[in-house]
Amino acid sequence: MAVSLTESAARQIKKQLEKRGKGVGLKLGVRKSGCSGYAYTLDYSDAVEGDDAVFEDFGVKVIVQKNDLPFIDGIELDYRREGINEAFQFNNPNVTGSCGCGESFSVN
């Protein structure tokens, strides 16, 4: 099982954790949503719980609940700026489809 960050994503997470003033890393997960089935969730985590898996790139921890891992195993989290827009991008090899608006995705 693996979750990875690009250097750009790691810089953004570090920046947000510093601005927040606390936290051990980024919490990445999924929830049922939208017309395709699932949506990503992002939050900052102040602790690692017993049912969490921890991945680290560029000195930044990504925390994932173990029951979410089958949906995001192998994902690379990137952070991109395109014009005036900037956002995290999810490069997930498990995605088999997504809705037209891009809010949700499906997996096998």
C-alpha atoms as a PDB file:
ATOM      1  CA  MET A   1       0.000   0.000   0.000  1.00  0.00           C
ATOM      2  CA  ALA A   2       1.353   3.417  -0.910  1.00  0.00           C
ATOM      3  CA  VAL A   3       0.382   7.066  -0.920  1.00  0.00           C
ATOM      4  CA  SER A   4       2.853   9.620  -2.250  1.00  0.00           C
ATOM      5  CA  LEU A   5       3.249  13.384  -2.514  1.00  0.00           C
ATOM      6  CA  THR A   6       4.894  15.535  -5.122  1.00  0.00           C
ATOM      7  CA  GLU A   7       7.336  18.127  -3.837  1.00  0.00           C
ATOM      8  CA  SER A   8       4.790  20.850  -4.660  1.00  0.00           C
ATOM      9  CA  ALA A   9       2.091  19.148  -2.554  1.00  0.00           C
ATOM     10  CA  ALA A  10       4.502  18.660   0.341  1.00  0.00           C
ATOM     11  CA  ARG A  11       5.447  22.370   0.288  1.00  0.00           C
ATOM     12  CA  GLN A  12       1.769  23.382   0.360  1.00  0.00           C
ATOM     13  CA  ILE A  13       0.947  21.025   3.232  1.00  0.00           C
ATOM     14  CA  LYS A  14       3.948  22.300   5.251  1.00  0.00           C
ATOM     15  CA  LYS A  15       2.872  25.878   4.574  1.00  0.00           C
ATOM     16  CA  GLN A  16      -0.693  25.198   5.748  1.00  0.00           C
ATOM     17  CA  LEU A  17       0.432  23.318   8.866  1.00  0.00           C
ATOM     18  CA  GLU A  18       2.742  26.216   9.788  1.00  0.00           C
ATOM     19  CA  LYS A  19      -0.066  28.722   9.209  1.00  0.00           C
ATOM     20  CA  ARG A  20      -2.383  26.573  11.333  1.00  0.00           C
ATOM     21  CA  GLY A  21       0.225  26.399  14.098  1.00  0.00           C
ATOM     22  CA  LYS A  22      -0.261  22.699  14.857  1.00  0.00           C
ATOM     23  CA  GLY A  23      -0.800  19.304  13.277  1.00  0.00           C
ATOM     24  CA  VAL A  24       1.131  16.159  12.445  1.00  0.00           C
ATOM     25  CA  GLY A  25       0.133  15.915   8.792  1.00  0.00           C
ATOM     26  CA  LEU A  26      -2.582  15.810   6.182  1.00  0.00           C
ATOM     27  CA  LYS A  27      -5.508  13.400   6.617  1.00  0.00           C
ATOM     28  CA  LEU A  28      -6.565  11.950   3.243  1.00  0.00           C
ATOM     29  CA  GLY A  29      -9.695   9.871   2.901  1.00  0.00           C
ATOM     30  CA  VAL A  30     -12.781   9.094   0.850  1.00  0.00           C
ATOM     31  CA  ARG A  31     -16.510   9.379   1.463  1.00  0.00           C
ATOM     32  CA  LYS A  32     -19.568   8.292  -0.507  1.00  0.00           C
ATOM     33  CA  SER A  33     -20.654  11.226  -2.632  1.00  0.00           C
ATOM     34  CA  GLY A  34     -21.831  12.452  -5.999  1.00  0.00           C
ATOM     35  CA  CYS A  35     -23.075  10.570  -8.995  1.00  0.00           C
ATOM     36  CA  SER A  36     -19.961   8.404  -9.440  1.00  0.00           C
ATOM     37  CA  GLY A  37     -19.712   7.070  -5.901  1.00  0.00           C
ATOM     38  CA  TYR A  38     -16.820   8.584  -3.921  1.00  0.00           C
ATOM     39  CA  ALA A  39     -15.153  11.912  -3.208  1.00  0.00           C
ATOM     40  CA  TYR A  40     -11.815  12.691  -1.609  1.00  0.00           C
ATOM     41  CA  THR A  41     -11.637  14.277   1.825  1.00  0.00           C
ATOM     42  CA  LEU A  42      -8.745  16.395   3.052  1.00  0.00           C
ATOM     43  CA  ASP A  43      -8.193  17.669   6.572  1.00  0.00           C
ATOM     44  CA  TYR A  44      -5.292  18.389   8.842  1.00  0.00           C
ATOM     45  CA  SER A  45      -4.649  15.834  11.552  1.00  0.00           C
ATOM     46  CA  ASP A  46      -3.453  16.586  15.065  1.00  0.00           C
ATOM     47  CA  ALA A  47      -2.808  12.937  15.964  1.00  0.00           C
ATOM     48  CA  VAL A  48      -2.307   9.507  14.440  1.00  0.00           C
ATOM     49  CA  GLU A  49      -4.993   7.048  15.541  1.00  0.00           C
ATOM     50  CA  GLY A  50      -4.660   3.281  15.870  1.00  0.00           C
ATOM     51  CA  ASP A  51      -6.528   2.572  12.630  1.00  0.00           C
ATOM     52  CA  ASP A  52      -4.421   4.994  10.565  1.00  0.00           C
ATOM     53  CA  ALA A  53      -1.662   4.253   8.081  1.00  0.00           C
ATOM     54  CA  VAL A  54       1.067   6.881   7.777  1.00  0.00           C
ATOM     55  CA  PHE A  55       3.039   7.685   4.615  1.00  0.00           C
ATOM     56  CA  GLU A  56       5.784  10.284   4.388  1.00  0.00           C
ATOM     57  CA  ASP A  57       7.355  12.205   1.501  1.00  0.00           C
ATOM     58  CA  PHE A  58       9.597  15.279   1.638  1.00  0.00           C
ATOM     59  CA  GLY A  59       9.252  15.334   5.445  1.00  0.00           C
ATOM     60  CA  VAL A  60       5.425  15.536   5.341  1.00  0.00           C
ATOM     61  CA  LYS A  61       3.080  12.884   6.709  1.00  0.00           C
ATOM     62  CA  VAL A  62      -0.095  11.765   4.953  1.00  0.00           C
ATOM     63  CA  ILE A  63      -2.462   9.930   7.268  1.00  0.00           C
ATOM     64  CA  VAL A  64      -5.084   7.541   5.865  1.00  0.00           C
ATOM     65  CA  GLN A  65      -7.623   5.416   7.709  1.00  0.00           C
ATOM     66  CA  LYS A  66      -6.859   1.811   6.827  1.00  0.00           C
ATOM     67  CA  ASN A  67     -10.397   1.147   5.535  1.00  0.00           C
ATOM     68  CA  ASP A  68      -9.916   3.936   2.902  1.00  0.00           C
ATOM     69  CA  LEU A  69      -6.666   2.450   1.536  1.00  0.00           C
ATOM     70  CA  PRO A  70      -8.272   0.136  -1.078  1.00  0.00           C
ATOM     71  CA  PHE A  71      -9.779   3.216  -2.776  1.00  0.00           C
ATOM     72  CA  ILE A  72      -6.561   5.243  -2.868  1.00  0.00           C
ATOM     73  CA  ASP A  73      -3.686   2.751  -2.863  1.00  0.00           C
ATOM     74  CA  GLY A  74      -1.020   4.065  -5.225  1.00  0.00           C
ATOM     75  CA  ILE A  75      -2.377   7.634  -5.301  1.00  0.00           C
ATOM     76  CA  GLU A  76      -0.046  10.556  -5.875  1.00  0.00           C
ATOM     77  CA  LEU A  77      -1.189  13.851  -4.397  1.00  0.00           C
ATOM     78  CA  ASP A  78      -0.014  16.907  -6.333  1.00  0.00           C
ATOM     79  CA  TYR A  79      -0.577  20.643  -5.894  1.00  0.00           C
ATOM     80  CA  ARG A  80      -0.868  22.723  -9.044  1.00  0.00           C
ATOM     81  CA  ARG A  81      -1.394  26.299 -10.035  1.00  0.00           C
ATOM     82  CA  GLU A  82      -3.121  26.947 -13.338  1.00  0.00           C
ATOM     83  CA  GLY A  83      -3.706  30.619 -14.028  1.00  0.00           C
ATOM     84  CA  ILE A  84      -5.373  32.087 -10.965  1.00  0.00           C
ATOM     85  CA  ASN A  85      -6.567  28.674  -9.737  1.00  0.00           C
ATOM     86  CA  GLU A  86      -4.627  26.428  -7.404  1.00  0.00           C
ATOM     87  CA  ALA A  87      -5.666  23.114  -5.894  1.00  0.00           C
ATOM     88  CA  PHE A  88      -4.633  19.634  -4.888  1.00  0.00           C
ATOM     89  CA  GLN A  89      -4.783  17.118  -7.744  1.00  0.00           C
ATOM     90  CA  PHE A  90      -5.377  13.412  -7.171  1.00  0.00           C
ATOM     91  CA  ASN A  91      -3.528  11.025  -9.486  1.00  0.00           C
ATOM     92  CA  ASN A  92      -5.273   7.812  -8.499  1.00  0.00           C
ATOM     93  CA  PRO A  93      -4.576   4.634 -10.532  1.00  0.00           C
ATOM     94  CA  ASN A  94      -7.706   2.964  -9.088  1.00  0.00           C
ATOM     95  CA  VAL A  95     -10.205   5.372 -10.662  1.00  0.00           C
ATOM     96  CA  THR A  96     -12.341   3.759 -13.360  1.00  0.00           C
ATOM     97  CA  GLY A  97     -14.622   6.729 -13.987  1.00  0.00           C
ATOM     98  CA  SER A  98     -15.598  10.166 -12.760  1.00  0.00           C
ATOM     99  CA  CYS A  99     -18.588  12.438 -12.982  1.00  0.00           C
ATOM    100  CA  GLY A 100     -18.722  15.324 -15.458  1.00  0.00           C
ATOM    101  CA  CYS A 101     -18.191  18.001 -12.800  1.00  0.00           C
ATOM    102  CA  GLY A 102     -15.170  16.196 -11.356  1.00  0.00           C
ATOM    103  CA  GLU A 103     -16.560  16.014  -7.807  1.00  0.00           C
ATOM    104  CA  SER A 104     -16.753  12.240  -7.527  1.00  0.00           C
ATOM    105  CA  PHE A 105     -15.082   9.108  -8.858  1.00  0.00           C
ATOM    106  CA  SER A 106     -15.654   5.371  -9.070  1.00  0.00           C
ATOM    107  CA  VAL A 107     -13.362   2.386  -8.507  1.00  0.00           C
ATOM    108  CA  ASN A 108     -13.686  -1.339  -9.168  1.00  0.00           C
END
